[in-house]
């Protein structure tokens, strides 16, 4: 073959290969081209409510087990607006959703330093019916190059991670005729494959003008659960006449197939998240009007635990396609309930569940319950209502008063390892005898989160980043 023809063929082959490479790069998911801002290379992101596995468990290792009285080292802290949700973290970016005045605001910060990157705001007129603050109750959900927020008034937004540009939005209150719940919207959505699954709970045409909070007069319109196309916001399916609760959707694999478990206002709804086909509905709620279901379901193989604090307590179901069996139930136990979680979601470890049980701060106890039998292994009073994060054989426990504990996982006894009354560093001249200030003002109702060795905790008006795992561990 003449050398000239050889050279021509080589050039053509090179250009074709380059074109394929260029095309593959431009066809790749946009999220793969988002710069990673982290300097801490070990650990994991925390991209959604209750973390990457949806159960408030972290796989990170190397935690500090000895704390000074003031707690782990403060890396950074920031005043935050009103609301109750924790941030979410991905690729060195922290997304915090809160309210400032009459604006709901999503802020994107560098997760390691708190340095602001961008913010997005939209107007909100939500007013709480019971005098709690008017901020968001949900956490942002990060999926690759997109972040989703669901406001207390029912506005659902999809934004770009890089600059906060609105990609789509849905006013769920207007579109589905939602009657305002007691505390507004408080169920964080979940991403499943190409879907964003939300608890909506719209009202029928005949009842959608019911005054806020009078949910006993509201009838559903088939939008208890709505699955949106996560890229466009189009409705892919909807199901159930249930009204919304404050628990989030729980995605699980049971017997080789995907399930979505939604602890709605009236009970547990189980369905196939691919098709939206309902498996069953298990009624479970307190008979009084002013009560809520707020804890996410806990799944262990084919066992599903649900728990609430206003009436029936807990129930354990063994589920299968289209049906369930009740393993044990608190319903007929008038006083001696096994577990009554309020807003916190219990955590299962090695066949035992741990969670704060009790409706009010004074009577709340941290409990350990054997999952299969419902046997209460131990109860620890005096911690008020509290929230848990599991990491490396321990729980990081945050009381609603703002105290932080490290507790060893132990089904036989309450085993505290470290305790810290988190203290704020001095700010300016302090009057003699006043002593240190508390770092977190109550109510501290959101569960701690951990990402790349940094522990994030929130009180009423402050988000604090602490170093739980030193660099290099």
Protein backbone atom coordinates (compact mmCIF):
# COMPACT_ATOMS: atom_id res chain seq x y z
CA UNK A 1 0.00 0.00 0.00
CA UNK A 2 1.45 3.41 -0.90
CA UNK A 3 2.74 5.33 2.09
CA UNK A 4 0.59 8.31 1.16
CA UNK A 5 -2.61 6.21 1.36
CA UNK A 6 -1.41 4.70 4.65
CA UNK A 7 -0.95 8.13 6.15
CA UNK A 8 -4.38 9.22 4.96
CA UNK A 9 -6.04 6.17 6.52
CA UNK A 10 -4.23 6.77 9.83
CA UNK A 11 -5.42 10.38 9.87
CA UNK A 12 -9.01 9.32 9.17
CA UNK A 13 -8.86 6.69 11.94
CA UNK A 14 -7.46 9.22 14.40
CA UNK A 15 -10.17 11.77 13.60
CA UNK A 16 -12.90 9.14 13.97
CA UNK A 17 -11.50 8.05 17.34
CA UNK A 18 -11.31 11.66 18.52
CA UNK A 19 -14.88 12.29 17.42
CA UNK A 20 -16.06 9.23 19.36
CA UNK A 21 -14.20 10.41 22.47
CA UNK A 22 -15.60 13.92 22.13
CA UNK A 23 -19.11 12.59 21.65
CA UNK A 24 -18.84 10.23 24.63
CA UNK A 25 -17.66 13.07 26.84
CA UNK A 26 -20.52 15.32 25.78
CA UNK A 27 -23.09 12.54 26.09
CA UNK A 28 -21.97 11.68 29.63
CA UNK A 29 -24.21 12.68 32.52
CA UNK A 30 -23.67 16.33 33.33
CA UNK A 31 -22.97 15.54 36.97
CA UNK A 32 -19.74 13.77 36.05
CA UNK A 33 -18.40 17.15 34.87
CA UNK A 34 -19.22 18.97 38.12
CA UNK A 35 -15.94 19.89 39.85
CA UNK A 36 -15.37 18.24 43.22
CA UNK A 37 -14.51 20.95 45.75
CA UNK A 38 -13.41 18.61 48.54
CA UNK A 39 -9.94 18.48 50.05
CA UNK A 40 -10.92 15.59 52.36
CA UNK A 41 -10.78 12.57 50.07
CA UNK A 42 -11.99 9.85 52.43
CA UNK A 43 -15.58 9.37 53.55
CA UNK A 44 -18.87 9.75 51.70
CA UNK A 45 -21.40 12.34 50.60
CA UNK A 46 -24.72 12.83 52.40
CA UNK A 47 -26.98 13.73 49.46
CA UNK A 48 -30.45 13.29 50.95
CA UNK A 49 -32.54 13.02 54.11
CA UNK A 50 -31.12 10.28 56.42
CA UNK A 51 -28.07 9.88 54.22
CA UNK A 52 -26.97 7.78 51.24
CA UNK A 53 -28.74 4.64 52.49
CA UNK A 54 -31.82 6.41 53.86
CA UNK A 55 -31.45 5.05 57.41
CA UNK A 56 -29.22 7.61 59.19
CA UNK A 57 -26.22 5.25 59.02
CA UNK A 58 -22.71 6.27 58.02
CA UNK A 59 -19.99 3.90 56.75
CA UNK A 60 -17.15 6.24 57.73
CA UNK A 61 -14.44 5.17 60.15
CA UNK A 62 -11.90 6.73 62.50
CA UNK A 63 -14.21 8.75 64.78
CA UNK A 64 -12.83 10.49 67.85
CA UNK A 65 -14.06 8.73 70.98
CA UNK A 66 -12.61 11.17 73.52
CA UNK A 67 -14.12 14.64 73.48
CA UNK A 68 -13.24 17.76 75.46
CA UNK A 69 -16.11 19.10 77.61
CA UNK A 70 -17.00 21.68 74.95
CA UNK A 71 -17.23 19.00 72.28
CA UNK A 72 -15.30 18.20 69.09
CA UNK A 73 -13.38 20.95 67.32
CA UNK A 74 -15.55 23.58 65.63
CA UNK A 75 -14.55 23.87 61.96
CA UNK A 76 -17.09 26.54 61.03
CA UNK A 77 -20.53 27.76 61.99
CA UNK A 78 -23.22 29.93 60.48
CA UNK A 79 -26.45 31.61 61.48
CA UNK A 80 -29.36 30.09 59.60
CA UNK A 81 -32.91 31.14 58.88
CA UNK A 82 -36.02 29.49 60.27
CA UNK A 83 -36.81 25.86 59.54
CA UNK A 84 -36.13 22.38 60.81
CA UNK A 85 -34.36 20.52 58.00
CA UNK A 86 -30.71 19.52 57.87
CA UNK A 87 -28.48 20.28 54.87
CA UNK A 88 -27.41 17.79 52.23
CA UNK A 89 -23.87 17.43 50.88
CA UNK A 90 -22.36 16.40 47.53
CA UNK A 91 -18.95 16.97 45.90
CA UNK A 92 -17.85 19.46 48.53
CA UNK A 93 -21.06 21.49 48.30
CA UNK A 94 -23.50 21.90 51.18
CA UNK A 95 -27.11 22.85 50.44
CA UNK A 96 -29.10 24.46 53.26
CA UNK A 97 -32.82 25.23 52.91
CA UNK A 98 -34.30 27.83 55.29
CA UNK A 99 -36.51 30.90 55.41
CA UNK A 100 -35.51 34.54 55.74
CA UNK A 101 -38.40 36.96 56.11
CA UNK A 102 -40.90 36.23 53.35
CA UNK A 103 -38.34 34.37 51.21
CA UNK A 104 -37.53 30.67 51.19
CA UNK A 105 -33.82 30.36 50.46
CA UNK A 106 -31.58 27.56 49.24
CA UNK A 107 -27.93 28.34 49.93
CA UNK A 108 -25.01 26.49 48.38
CA UNK A 109 -21.84 26.63 50.50
CA UNK A 110 -18.48 24.92 50.46
CA UNK A 111 -19.06 22.06 52.89
CA UNK A 112 -15.59 22.21 54.46
CA UNK A 113 -15.44 25.96 55.08
CA UNK A 114 -18.96 27.42 54.89
CA UNK A 115 -17.87 29.77 52.10
CA UNK A 116 -20.95 30.86 50.08
CA UNK A 117 -21.17 29.85 46.42
CA UNK A 118 -24.70 30.90 45.40
CA UNK A 119 -28.23 31.27 46.71
CA UNK A 120 -31.73 30.91 45.27
CA UNK A 121 -34.87 32.47 46.76
CA UNK A 122 -38.58 32.43 46.10
CA UNK A 123 -41.46 34.21 47.92
CA UNK A 124 -43.48 32.27 50.49
CA UNK A 125 -46.50 33.21 52.59
CA UNK A 126 -46.73 30.00 54.64
CA UNK A 127 -47.93 30.53 58.23
CA UNK A 128 -47.83 27.75 60.79
CA UNK A 129 -51.16 26.94 62.42
CA UNK A 130 -49.70 26.17 65.85
CA UNK A 131 -47.11 28.89 66.32
CA UNK A 132 -44.02 26.93 65.28
CA UNK A 133 -41.63 28.69 62.92
CA UNK A 134 -42.59 29.24 59.28
CA UNK A 135 -39.52 27.75 57.65
CA UNK A 136 -39.05 24.57 55.60
CA UNK A 137 -39.37 21.17 57.28
CA UNK A 138 -37.55 19.16 54.60
CA UNK A 139 -33.96 18.61 53.46
CA UNK A 140 -32.63 19.23 49.94
CA UNK A 141 -32.24 16.14 47.73
CA UNK A 142 -29.17 16.05 45.48
CA UNK A 143 -29.12 13.86 42.39
CA UNK A 144 -26.05 14.26 40.20
CA UNK A 145 -26.25 17.77 38.68
CA UNK A 146 -29.65 18.63 40.19
CA UNK A 147 -30.96 19.55 43.61
CA UNK A 148 -34.61 19.38 44.68
CA UNK A 149 -36.36 21.36 47.44
CA UNK A 150 -39.91 21.00 48.77
CA UNK A 151 -41.14 24.03 50.71
CA UNK A 152 -43.57 24.16 53.64
CA UNK A 153 -46.14 25.86 51.39
CA UNK A 154 -45.88 23.07 48.79
CA UNK A 155 -43.58 24.58 46.13
CA UNK A 156 -41.40 21.88 44.56
CA UNK A 157 -38.29 23.12 42.72
CA UNK A 158 -35.59 21.42 40.67
CA UNK A 159 -32.41 23.50 40.42
CA UNK A 160 -28.99 23.07 38.84
CA UNK A 161 -26.24 22.24 41.32
CA UNK A 162 -23.66 24.54 39.73
CA UNK A 163 -25.49 27.86 39.75
CA UNK A 164 -28.97 27.38 41.23
CA UNK A 165 -30.81 27.88 37.95
CA UNK A 166 -34.47 26.77 38.03
CA UNK A 167 -34.92 23.77 35.73
CA UNK A 168 -38.57 23.12 36.61
CA UNK A 169 -41.04 23.78 39.40
CA UNK A 170 -44.50 22.62 40.50
CA UNK A 171 -46.90 24.32 42.89
CA UNK A 172 -48.26 21.10 44.42
CA UNK A 173 -50.81 22.92 46.56
CA UNK A 174 -52.38 24.51 43.49
CA UNK A 175 -51.97 21.57 41.09
CA UNK A 176 -53.33 18.90 43.43
CA UNK A 177 -55.60 20.95 45.70
CA UNK A 178 -53.74 20.32 48.94
CA UNK A 179 -55.39 21.48 52.17
CA UNK A 180 -52.70 22.81 54.49
CA UNK A 181 -51.54 20.19 56.98
CA UNK A 182 -50.96 21.08 60.64
CA UNK A 183 -47.31 22.00 60.08
CA UNK A 184 -47.25 22.44 56.31
CA UNK A 185 -45.28 20.15 54.00
CA UNK A 186 -42.72 18.08 55.90
CA UNK A 187 -42.01 14.94 53.87
CA UNK A 188 -38.68 15.00 52.02
CA UNK A 189 -38.95 13.42 48.52
CA UNK A 190 -36.71 10.59 47.31
CA UNK A 191 -35.07 9.89 43.95
CA UNK A 192 -35.63 6.45 42.44
CA UNK A 193 -34.18 5.78 38.99
CA UNK A 194 -35.68 8.50 36.74
CA UNK A 195 -38.36 9.49 39.25
CA UNK A 196 -38.73 11.95 42.10
CA UNK A 197 -41.26 10.36 44.46
CA UNK A 198 -43.16 12.82 46.67
CA UNK A 199 -45.86 12.61 49.28
CA UNK A 200 -48.48 15.17 48.22
CA UNK A 201 -51.97 14.25 49.49
CA UNK A 202 -54.30 16.46 47.48
CA UNK A 203 -58.00 16.93 48.26
CA UNK A 204 -61.05 16.08 46.18
CA UNK A 205 -62.91 18.89 44.39
CA UNK A 206 -65.64 18.76 47.03
CA UNK A 207 -63.26 19.17 49.98
CA UNK A 208 -60.31 21.21 48.73
CA UNK A 209 -61.78 24.42 50.17
CA UNK A 210 -61.75 22.98 53.68
CA UNK A 211 -60.04 25.38 56.15
CA UNK A 212 -56.41 24.53 56.97
CA UNK A 213 -55.89 21.85 59.59
CA UNK A 214 -59.39 20.37 59.46
CA UNK A 215 -58.11 17.21 57.87
CA UNK A 216 -60.92 15.03 59.19
CA UNK A 217 -63.18 16.73 56.63
CA UNK A 218 -60.80 16.24 53.70
CA UNK A 219 -61.10 13.41 51.17
CA UNK A 220 -58.20 12.46 48.93
CA UNK A 221 -58.09 12.71 45.15
CA UNK A 222 -55.65 9.94 44.26
CA UNK A 223 -52.50 12.06 44.73
CA UNK A 224 -51.34 10.68 48.07
CA UNK A 225 -48.10 9.80 46.29
CA UNK A 226 -46.96 11.49 43.09
CA UNK A 227 -43.97 10.35 41.02
CA UNK A 228 -42.50 13.12 38.86
CA UNK A 229 -40.05 12.73 35.99
CA UNK A 230 -36.96 14.01 37.76
CA UNK A 231 -35.68 15.76 34.62
CA UNK A 232 -38.88 17.50 33.49
CA UNK A 233 -41.33 17.58 36.43
CA UNK A 234 -43.99 15.73 34.41
CA UNK A 235 -46.25 13.43 36.43
CA UNK A 236 -45.44 9.80 35.63
CA UNK A 237 -47.93 8.22 38.03
CA UNK A 238 -49.91 8.92 41.20
CA UNK A 239 -51.75 6.72 43.65
CA UNK A 240 -53.76 6.58 46.87
CA UNK A 241 -56.37 8.81 48.51
CA UNK A 242 -54.10 9.14 51.54
CA UNK A 243 -53.29 12.57 52.95
CA UNK A 244 -49.70 13.56 53.61
CA UNK A 245 -47.73 12.90 56.78
CA UNK A 246 -44.26 14.07 57.80
CA UNK A 247 -42.44 10.80 57.11
CA UNK A 248 -40.47 10.44 53.89
CA UNK A 249 -40.69 7.69 51.26
CA UNK A 250 -38.49 4.68 52.07
CA UNK A 251 -37.00 2.77 49.13
CA UNK A 252 -35.99 -0.83 49.84
CA UNK A 253 -35.29 -4.10 48.08
CA UNK A 254 -37.37 -6.96 49.51
CA UNK A 255 -37.33 -10.47 48.05
CA UNK A 256 -35.46 -9.26 44.98
CA UNK A 257 -37.81 -6.45 43.93
CA UNK A 258 -37.93 -2.73 44.70
CA UNK A 259 -40.47 -1.41 47.18
CA UNK A 260 -41.52 2.05 48.27
CA UNK A 261 -42.92 2.29 51.79
CA UNK A 262 -44.77 5.47 52.72
CA UNK A 263 -45.98 6.03 56.28
CA UNK A 264 -48.78 8.40 55.29
CA UNK A 265 -51.29 10.20 57.51
CA UNK A 266 -53.61 7.20 57.72
CA UNK A 267 -51.09 4.37 57.76
CA UNK A 268 -48.45 2.46 55.81
CA UNK A 269 -48.75 2.47 52.03
CA UNK A 270 -46.62 -0.10 50.16
CA UNK A 271 -46.20 -0.01 46.39
CA UNK A 272 -43.91 -0.77 43.46
CA UNK A 273 -41.90 2.41 42.79
CA UNK A 274 -41.37 1.44 39.15
CA UNK A 275 -45.03 1.20 38.17
CA UNK A 276 -46.88 2.82 41.07
CA UNK A 277 -48.92 -0.34 41.63
CA UNK A 278 -50.13 -0.58 45.23
CA UNK A 279 -49.28 -3.71 47.24
CA UNK A 280 -51.27 -2.90 50.37
CA UNK A 281 -52.39 -0.27 52.84
CA UNK A 282 -52.06 -0.91 56.59
CA UNK A 283 -54.15 1.56 58.67
CA UNK A 284 -52.13 3.01 61.55
CA UNK A 285 -52.74 6.35 63.21
CA UNK A 286 -54.00 7.86 66.43
CA UNK A 287 -57.77 8.50 66.57
CA UNK A 288 -57.35 12.12 67.63
CA UNK A 289 -57.43 14.74 64.89
CA UNK A 290 -54.32 16.65 65.96
CA UNK A 291 -51.81 13.85 65.55
CA UNK A 292 -49.18 13.06 62.94
CA UNK A 293 -47.07 10.19 61.61
CA UNK A 294 -43.53 11.47 61.21
CA UNK A 295 -40.94 8.65 61.53
CA UNK A 296 -39.74 6.87 58.40
CA UNK A 297 -40.34 3.11 58.18
CA UNK A 298 -37.42 0.90 59.26
CA UNK A 299 -36.69 -2.09 57.00
CA UNK A 300 -34.76 -5.26 57.86
CA UNK A 301 -35.00 -7.91 55.14
CA UNK A 302 -38.79 -8.49 54.81
CA UNK A 303 -39.65 -6.85 58.16
CA UNK A 304 -41.02 -3.30 58.25
CA UNK A 305 -41.34 -1.32 61.49
CA UNK A 306 -43.56 1.75 61.80
CA UNK A 307 -43.86 3.90 64.93
CA UNK A 308 -45.75 6.99 66.11
CA UNK A 309 -46.25 8.68 69.47
CA UNK A 310 -49.87 9.93 69.68
CA UNK A 311 -51.76 6.67 70.02
CA UNK A 312 -51.14 3.13 68.75
CA UNK A 313 -47.33 3.18 69.07
CA UNK A 314 -45.43 0.67 66.92
CA UNK A 315 -46.17 -2.28 64.67
CA UNK A 316 -43.90 -4.77 62.91
CA UNK A 317 -45.04 -6.26 59.61
CA UNK A 318 -43.63 -9.08 57.51
CA UNK A 319 -44.33 -8.05 53.93
CA UNK A 320 -44.64 -9.90 50.63
CA UNK A 321 -45.98 -8.94 47.22
CA UNK A 322 -49.53 -7.75 47.69
CA UNK A 323 -49.86 -8.72 51.36
CA UNK A 324 -48.46 -8.59 54.90
CA UNK A 325 -48.61 -10.31 58.27
CA UNK A 326 -48.53 -8.50 61.61
CA UNK A 327 -45.60 -9.88 63.65
CA UNK A 328 -46.35 -7.75 66.72
CA UNK A 329 -48.30 -4.61 67.52
CA UNK A 330 -48.67 -2.03 70.30
CA UNK A 331 -52.27 -1.29 69.38
CA UNK A 332 -53.91 -3.27 72.19
CA UNK A 333 -51.31 -2.30 74.82
CA UNK A 334 -53.03 0.65 76.47
CA UNK A 335 -50.10 2.01 78.46
CA UNK A 336 -47.05 -0.18 78.04
CA UNK A 337 -46.13 0.68 74.44
CA UNK A 338 -42.86 -0.76 73.19
CA UNK A 339 -41.77 2.25 71.15
CA UNK A 340 -43.42 5.61 70.43
CA UNK A 341 -41.20 7.71 68.20
CA UNK A 342 -42.14 11.32 67.53
CA UNK A 343 -40.20 12.86 64.65
CA UNK A 344 -37.00 10.80 64.92
CA UNK A 345 -36.54 7.64 62.83
CA UNK A 346 -35.28 4.61 64.80
CA UNK A 347 -32.06 2.92 63.69
CA UNK A 348 -31.72 -0.86 63.36
CA UNK A 349 -28.39 -2.50 64.22
CA UNK A 350 -27.89 -6.27 64.39
CA UNK A 351 -31.55 -7.06 64.99
CA UNK A 352 -32.22 -4.30 67.54
CA UNK A 353 -33.77 -0.87 67.01
CA UNK A 354 -32.76 2.22 68.95
CA UNK A 355 -34.83 5.38 69.13
CA UNK A 356 -36.25 8.15 71.28
CA UNK A 357 -39.67 7.14 72.61
CA UNK A 358 -42.15 9.68 73.98
CA UNK A 359 -44.35 12.55 72.91
CA UNK A 360 -43.11 15.17 75.35
CA UNK A 361 -39.61 16.21 76.36
CA UNK A 362 -40.04 15.34 80.06
CA UNK A 363 -41.18 11.75 79.51
CA UNK A 364 -39.03 10.84 76.50
CA UNK A 365 -36.64 7.89 76.83
CA UNK A 366 -33.94 6.44 74.61
CA UNK A 367 -34.92 2.81 74.06
CA UNK A 368 -33.46 -0.38 72.66
CA UNK A 369 -36.04 -2.86 71.34
CA UNK A 370 -35.45 -6.33 69.94
CA UNK A 371 -36.93 -6.07 66.47
CA UNK A 372 -38.27 -9.60 65.97
CA UNK A 373 -40.01 -9.90 69.34
CA UNK A 374 -40.71 -6.30 70.37
CA UNK A 375 -39.00 -6.89 73.71
CA UNK A 376 -37.76 -3.68 75.34
CA UNK A 377 -34.13 -4.35 76.24
CA UNK A 378 -33.51 -1.09 78.11
CA UNK A 379 -34.78 2.49 78.51
CA UNK A 380 -32.76 5.56 79.41
CA UNK A 381 -34.71 8.60 80.68
CA UNK A 382 -33.42 12.14 81.10
CA UNK A 383 -32.25 12.76 77.52
CA UNK A 384 -35.37 14.65 76.41
CA UNK A 385 -36.44 13.97 72.83
CA UNK A 386 -33.36 13.18 70.81
CA UNK A 387 -32.11 12.15 67.37
CA UNK A 388 -29.51 9.59 66.34
CA UNK A 389 -26.76 9.06 63.77
CA UNK A 390 -25.04 5.66 63.56
CA UNK A 391 -21.31 5.45 62.78
CA UNK A 392 -18.63 2.85 63.53
CA UNK A 393 -20.45 0.96 66.29
CA UNK A 394 -21.65 4.14 68.00
CA UNK A 395 -24.54 6.58 67.99
CA UNK A 396 -24.03 10.31 67.85
CA UNK A 397 -27.01 11.53 69.88
CA UNK A 398 -28.27 15.11 69.82
CA UNK A 399 -30.79 16.14 72.48
CA UNK A 400 -33.39 18.77 71.66
CA UNK A 401 -31.66 21.02 74.17
CA UNK A 402 -28.47 21.00 72.09
CA UNK A 403 -26.27 18.55 74.04
CA UNK A 404 -24.21 16.01 72.09
CA UNK A 405 -23.40 12.45 73.22
CA UNK A 406 -21.42 9.55 71.82
CA UNK A 407 -23.07 6.27 72.83
CA UNK A 408 -21.74 2.79 72.15
CA UNK A 409 -24.22 0.48 70.45
CA UNK A 410 -25.13 -2.07 73.12
CA UNK A 411 -28.39 -4.05 73.31
CA UNK A 412 -27.83 -4.86 76.99
CA UNK A 413 -27.42 -1.37 78.47
CA UNK A 414 -27.13 2.34 77.79
CA UNK A 415 -23.39 2.86 77.24
CA UNK A 416 -22.33 6.52 76.93
CA UNK A 417 -18.74 7.11 75.83
CA UNK A 418 -18.51 10.91 75.65
CA UNK A 419 -20.78 13.87 76.33
CA UNK A 420 -20.44 17.51 75.38
CA UNK A 421 -22.46 20.55 76.36
CA UNK A 422 -21.52 22.34 73.15
CA UNK A 423 -20.20 25.80 73.96
CA UNK A 424 -19.92 28.82 71.70
CA UNK A 425 -16.52 30.51 71.47
CA UNK A 426 -16.38 33.91 73.21
CA UNK A 427 -17.67 36.81 71.10
CA UNK A 428 -16.38 40.10 72.38
CA UNK A 429 -16.04 41.11 76.03
CA UNK A 430 -18.01 38.86 78.35
CA UNK A 431 -19.49 40.05 81.59
CA UNK A 432 -17.80 38.51 84.59
CA UNK A 433 -19.52 35.45 85.96
CA UNK A 434 -21.78 34.79 82.97
CA UNK A 435 -19.85 31.70 81.86
CA UNK A 436 -19.92 30.07 78.45
CA UNK A 437 -22.87 30.31 76.07
CA UNK A 438 -24.60 27.30 74.58
CA UNK A 439 -23.66 26.73 70.98
CA UNK A 440 -27.04 25.31 69.91
CA UNK A 441 -30.23 26.96 71.06
CA UNK A 442 -33.27 24.71 71.34
CA UNK A 443 -35.12 23.25 69.65
CA UNK A 444 -32.40 21.04 68.10
CA UNK A 445 -34.80 18.65 66.39
CA UNK A 446 -32.88 17.58 63.28
CA UNK A 447 -30.68 14.48 63.35
CA UNK A 448 -26.90 15.01 62.99
CA UNK A 449 -25.28 14.19 59.65
CA UNK A 450 -21.71 13.10 58.81
CA UNK A 451 -19.84 13.65 55.56
CA UNK A 452 -16.12 13.18 54.93
CA UNK A 453 -15.27 13.27 58.62
CA UNK A 454 -17.24 16.43 59.37
CA UNK A 455 -20.25 16.29 61.69
CA UNK A 456 -23.03 18.83 61.12
CA UNK A 457 -25.54 19.71 63.86
CA UNK A 458 -28.28 22.29 63.94
CA UNK A 459 -30.14 24.22 66.60
CA UNK A 460 -32.84 26.84 66.36
CA UNK A 461 -30.76 29.46 64.55
CA UNK A 462 -27.31 27.99 63.96
CA UNK A 463 -25.65 25.32 61.81
CA UNK A 464 -22.35 24.04 63.19
CA UNK A 465 -19.66 21.92 61.51
CA UNK A 466 -17.52 19.82 63.90
CA UNK A 467 -14.52 17.59 63.21
CA UNK A 468 -15.48 14.03 64.22
CA UNK A 469 -12.81 12.29 62.12
CA UNK A 470 -9.39 13.98 61.78
CA UNK A 471 -7.94 14.30 58.26
CA UNK A 472 -6.14 11.20 57.09
CA UNK A 473 -7.98 8.84 59.41
